[in-house]
């Protein structure tokens, strides 16, 4: 078994996204001595159309394969889950040797249509265009699979024994901030819950990203 001083991290991206969503955090961790794995989840490598025939089982199985490899090779590892990746992270932390769990905008309670409409007009034009495109182009079947995933993983929340950091942007139009409170109440060992007042959904790419990254890195180093 390779020894890396426990500095091994699996980072999981969100629904309709990709590794770029957590790449700044992975880069910062690697610069601090972590070995990071940032896989691309099934269906997310062919544009939004690639999600048509993708199921929640495929996402769960892919995440479990990554966790299995890291567990066998390193014994234990840290885990970062962003949005849907946060729910996958909870599933893994209930089954694999996760040392610490950082949940960024974890989608235990997701989009509120009214909140999204209100917040759409407070974000930059280019971000609004991307969000509107995703809303129009994401296959309905894939959205249903995402909802099934969240429903399936929620019972795992109280089974997680690893210390958890819960991070949430207060201007998030996708994952309601109440999701962080939901997780904080139900996870057995929450080290800290942090809200970033100016951040929207993509925490590692927002104006407070450097603070988010410092918070996660400090949590893993403590």
Protein backbone atom coordinates (compact mmCIF):
# COMPACT_ATOMS: atom_id res chain seq x y z
CA UNK A 1 0.00 0.00 0.00
CA UNK A 2 1.36 3.41 -0.97
CA UNK A 3 1.90 5.91 1.80
CA UNK A 4 1.07 9.57 1.21
CA UNK A 5 0.61 10.80 4.76
CA UNK A 6 -3.16 10.49 4.37
CA UNK A 7 -3.10 13.28 1.77
CA UNK A 8 -5.37 11.63 -0.77
CA UNK A 9 -8.59 13.22 -1.98
CA UNK A 10 -11.47 12.23 -4.23
CA UNK A 11 -13.41 15.18 -5.67
CA UNK A 12 -16.84 14.65 -7.29
CA UNK A 13 -18.50 17.20 -9.56
CA UNK A 14 -22.18 18.04 -9.91
CA UNK A 15 -25.13 17.20 -12.15
CA UNK A 16 -24.72 18.53 -15.74
CA UNK A 17 -21.26 19.81 -14.76
CA UNK A 18 -17.77 18.38 -14.89
CA UNK A 19 -14.37 18.30 -13.17
CA UNK A 20 -13.91 22.01 -13.88
CA UNK A 21 -16.39 22.74 -11.05
CA UNK A 22 -13.90 21.54 -8.42
CA UNK A 23 -10.64 21.91 -10.34
CA UNK A 24 -9.45 25.07 -8.49
CA UNK A 25 -9.82 23.23 -5.19
CA UNK A 26 -8.05 20.13 -6.53
CA UNK A 27 -5.19 22.29 -7.76
CA UNK A 28 -4.82 24.00 -4.36
CA UNK A 29 -4.83 20.64 -2.58
CA UNK A 30 -2.24 19.20 -4.97
CA UNK A 31 0.00 22.22 -4.36
CA UNK A 32 -0.28 21.46 -0.64
CA UNK A 33 0.76 17.83 -1.12
CA UNK A 34 -2.47 15.93 -1.77
CA UNK A 35 -2.91 13.34 -4.47
CA UNK A 36 -6.29 14.17 -6.04
CA UNK A 37 -8.67 12.16 -8.18
CA UNK A 38 -11.28 14.18 -10.09
CA UNK A 39 -13.27 11.71 -12.24
CA UNK A 40 -15.85 12.62 -14.85
CA UNK A 41 -19.19 11.00 -14.05
CA UNK A 42 -21.00 8.90 -16.70
CA UNK A 43 -22.95 10.89 -19.27
CA UNK A 44 -21.11 14.12 -18.54
CA UNK A 45 -18.46 13.73 -21.21
CA UNK A 46 -20.74 14.12 -24.25
CA UNK A 47 -22.54 17.38 -23.49
CA UNK A 48 -26.02 17.43 -22.00
CA UNK A 49 -27.32 15.02 -24.65
CA UNK A 50 -25.04 12.36 -23.16
CA UNK A 51 -27.26 12.28 -20.08
CA UNK A 52 -30.23 10.83 -21.98
CA UNK A 53 -29.37 7.21 -21.27
CA UNK A 54 -27.56 7.71 -17.97
CA UNK A 55 -29.04 6.40 -14.73
CA UNK A 56 -28.43 7.18 -11.07
CA UNK A 57 -27.10 3.62 -10.70
CA UNK A 58 -24.37 4.46 -13.20
CA UNK A 59 -23.33 7.53 -11.19
CA UNK A 60 -23.34 5.56 -7.94
CA UNK A 61 -21.38 2.67 -9.44
CA UNK A 62 -18.78 5.00 -10.96
CA UNK A 63 -18.27 6.79 -7.65
CA UNK A 64 -18.02 3.48 -5.79
CA UNK A 65 -15.36 2.23 -8.21
CA UNK A 66 -13.26 5.31 -7.51
CA UNK A 67 -13.68 4.90 -3.75
CA UNK A 68 -12.87 1.20 -3.94
CA UNK A 69 -9.61 1.91 -5.79
CA UNK A 70 -8.51 4.63 -3.38
CA UNK A 71 -9.45 2.55 -0.35
CA UNK A 72 -7.47 -0.43 -1.60
CA UNK A 73 -4.45 1.62 -2.59
CA UNK A 74 -4.24 4.17 0.24
CA UNK A 75 -6.36 2.82 3.09
CA UNK A 76 -8.31 6.04 3.62
CA UNK A 77 -8.95 9.27 1.75
CA UNK A 78 -10.58 12.67 2.03
CA UNK A 79 -13.64 13.41 -0.07
CA UNK A 80 -15.08 16.57 -1.60
CA UNK A 81 -18.57 16.41 -3.07
CA UNK A 82 -20.04 19.33 -4.98
CA UNK A 83 -23.82 19.56 -5.55
CA UNK A 84 -24.93 16.09 -6.76
CA UNK A 85 -21.37 15.01 -6.03
CA UNK A 86 -22.10 15.86 -2.40
CA UNK A 87 -24.87 13.28 -2.33
CA UNK A 88 -22.57 10.74 -3.98
CA UNK A 89 -19.98 11.64 -1.35
CA UNK A 90 -22.45 10.89 1.44
CA UNK A 91 -23.17 7.51 -0.14
CA UNK A 92 -19.44 6.73 -0.26
CA UNK A 93 -18.70 8.03 3.24
CA UNK A 94 -21.29 5.60 4.62
CA UNK A 95 -19.48 2.66 2.98
CA UNK A 96 -15.79 3.41 2.44
CA UNK A 97 -12.85 4.61 4.59
CA UNK A 98 -13.43 8.34 4.17
CA UNK A 99 -11.23 10.29 6.60
CA UNK A 100 -12.98 13.67 6.22
CA UNK A 101 -15.93 14.78 4.12
CA UNK A 102 -16.36 18.27 2.63
CA UNK A 103 -19.81 18.96 1.20
CA UNK A 104 -20.05 21.97 -1.13
CA UNK A 105 -23.57 23.03 -2.12
CA UNK A 106 -24.63 19.42 -1.49
CA UNK A 107 -28.00 18.82 -3.11
CA UNK A 108 -29.97 17.24 -0.28
CA UNK A 109 -32.65 19.87 -0.97
CA UNK A 110 -32.37 21.21 -4.47
CA UNK A 111 -33.90 23.78 -6.78
CA UNK A 112 -36.83 25.94 -5.73
CA UNK A 113 -38.36 27.31 -8.98
CA UNK A 114 -39.45 30.58 -7.39
CA UNK A 115 -36.05 31.14 -5.81
CA UNK A 116 -34.32 30.38 -9.10
CA UNK A 117 -36.41 32.91 -11.01
CA UNK A 118 -35.77 35.60 -8.37
CA UNK A 119 -32.03 34.97 -8.31
CA UNK A 120 -31.61 34.63 -12.08
CA UNK A 121 -31.70 38.41 -12.45
CA UNK A 122 -29.01 38.98 -9.83
CA UNK A 123 -26.30 36.97 -11.56
CA UNK A 124 -24.00 37.97 -14.39
CA UNK A 125 -25.42 37.82 -17.90
CA UNK A 126 -23.07 35.07 -19.09
CA UNK A 127 -23.86 32.89 -16.05
CA UNK A 128 -27.57 33.45 -16.56
CA UNK A 129 -27.25 32.36 -20.21
CA UNK A 130 -25.48 29.13 -19.21
CA UNK A 131 -28.09 28.37 -16.55
CA UNK A 132 -30.97 29.03 -18.95
CA UNK A 133 -29.32 26.78 -21.56
CA UNK A 134 -28.93 23.96 -19.06
CA UNK A 135 -32.53 24.29 -17.92
CA UNK A 136 -33.75 24.01 -21.51
CA UNK A 137 -31.36 21.31 -22.76
CA UNK A 138 -31.06 18.90 -19.82
CA UNK A 139 -33.07 15.75 -20.67
CA UNK A 140 -36.11 15.23 -18.45
CA UNK A 141 -35.07 11.60 -17.95
CA UNK A 142 -31.76 12.76 -16.49
CA UNK A 143 -33.49 15.15 -14.10
CA UNK A 144 -35.64 12.25 -12.89
CA UNK A 145 -32.52 10.15 -12.32
CA UNK A 146 -30.97 12.99 -10.33
CA UNK A 147 -34.09 13.16 -8.14
CA UNK A 148 -33.97 9.39 -7.65
CA UNK A 149 -30.35 9.62 -6.61
CA UNK A 150 -31.09 12.22 -3.93
CA UNK A 151 -34.03 10.16 -2.64
CA UNK A 152 -31.89 7.02 -2.45
CA UNK A 153 -28.95 8.66 -0.70
CA UNK A 154 -30.83 10.61 1.98
CA UNK A 155 -31.12 7.52 4.26
CA UNK A 156 -27.31 7.29 4.22
CA UNK A 157 -26.87 10.70 5.87
CA UNK A 158 -27.10 9.49 9.52
CA UNK A 159 -24.76 6.58 8.71
CA UNK A 160 -21.79 8.82 7.92
CA UNK A 161 -19.24 8.71 10.74
CA UNK A 162 -16.49 10.83 9.15
CA UNK A 163 -16.15 14.46 10.33
CA UNK A 164 -17.99 16.68 7.85
CA UNK A 165 -17.64 20.27 6.68
CA UNK A 166 -20.83 21.73 5.18
CA UNK A 167 -20.37 24.73 2.88
CA UNK A 168 -23.19 26.67 1.22
CA UNK A 169 -23.59 29.86 -0.80
CA UNK A 170 -26.47 32.01 0.39
CA UNK A 171 -27.24 33.23 -3.15
CA UNK A 172 -27.39 29.74 -4.62
CA UNK A 173 -30.32 29.46 -7.08
CA UNK A 174 -29.91 25.69 -7.52
CA UNK A 175 -29.41 24.20 -4.04
CA UNK A 176 -31.51 25.94 -1.42
CA UNK A 177 -29.50 27.09 1.64
CA UNK A 178 -31.89 25.09 3.80
CA UNK A 179 -30.08 22.04 2.40
CA UNK A 180 -27.06 22.92 4.56
CA UNK A 181 -29.24 23.12 7.65
CA UNK A 182 -30.86 19.80 6.75
CA UNK A 183 -27.46 18.13 6.48
CA UNK A 184 -26.11 19.77 9.62
CA UNK A 185 -28.99 18.41 11.67
CA UNK A 186 -28.72 14.88 10.32
CA UNK A 187 -25.01 14.18 9.88
CA UNK A 188 -23.62 12.63 13.10
CA UNK A 189 -20.34 14.56 13.12
CA UNK A 190 -20.42 18.05 11.57
CA UNK A 191 -17.19 19.88 12.34
CA UNK A 192 -18.47 23.18 10.94
CA UNK A 193 -21.19 24.65 8.72
CA UNK A 194 -20.12 27.70 6.73
CA UNK A 195 -22.27 30.05 4.67
CA UNK A 196 -20.76 32.37 2.07
CA UNK A 197 -23.04 35.40 1.68
CA UNK A 198 -22.00 36.46 -1.84
CA UNK A 199 -21.64 33.03 -3.41
CA UNK A 200 -24.05 31.33 -5.77
CA UNK A 201 -23.86 27.68 -6.79
CA UNK A 202 -20.36 27.19 -8.21
CA UNK A 203 -18.52 27.77 -4.96
CA UNK A 204 -15.05 27.02 -6.33
CA UNK A 205 -15.52 29.51 -9.18
CA UNK A 206 -17.25 32.37 -7.35
CA UNK A 207 -15.79 35.62 -5.98
CA UNK A 208 -15.38 33.96 -2.57
CA UNK A 209 -13.71 30.88 -4.07
CA UNK A 210 -10.35 31.55 -2.41
CA UNK A 211 -12.06 31.62 1.00
CA UNK A 212 -13.95 28.41 0.21
CA UNK A 213 -10.73 26.70 -0.82
CA UNK A 214 -8.89 27.88 2.30
CA UNK A 215 -11.74 26.62 4.47
CA UNK A 216 -11.71 23.14 2.92
CA UNK A 217 -7.92 22.88 2.96
CA UNK A 218 -7.80 24.00 6.59
CA UNK A 219 -10.47 21.44 7.51
CA UNK A 220 -8.49 18.63 5.90
CA UNK A 221 -5.24 19.79 7.51
CA UNK A 222 -6.62 20.11 11.04
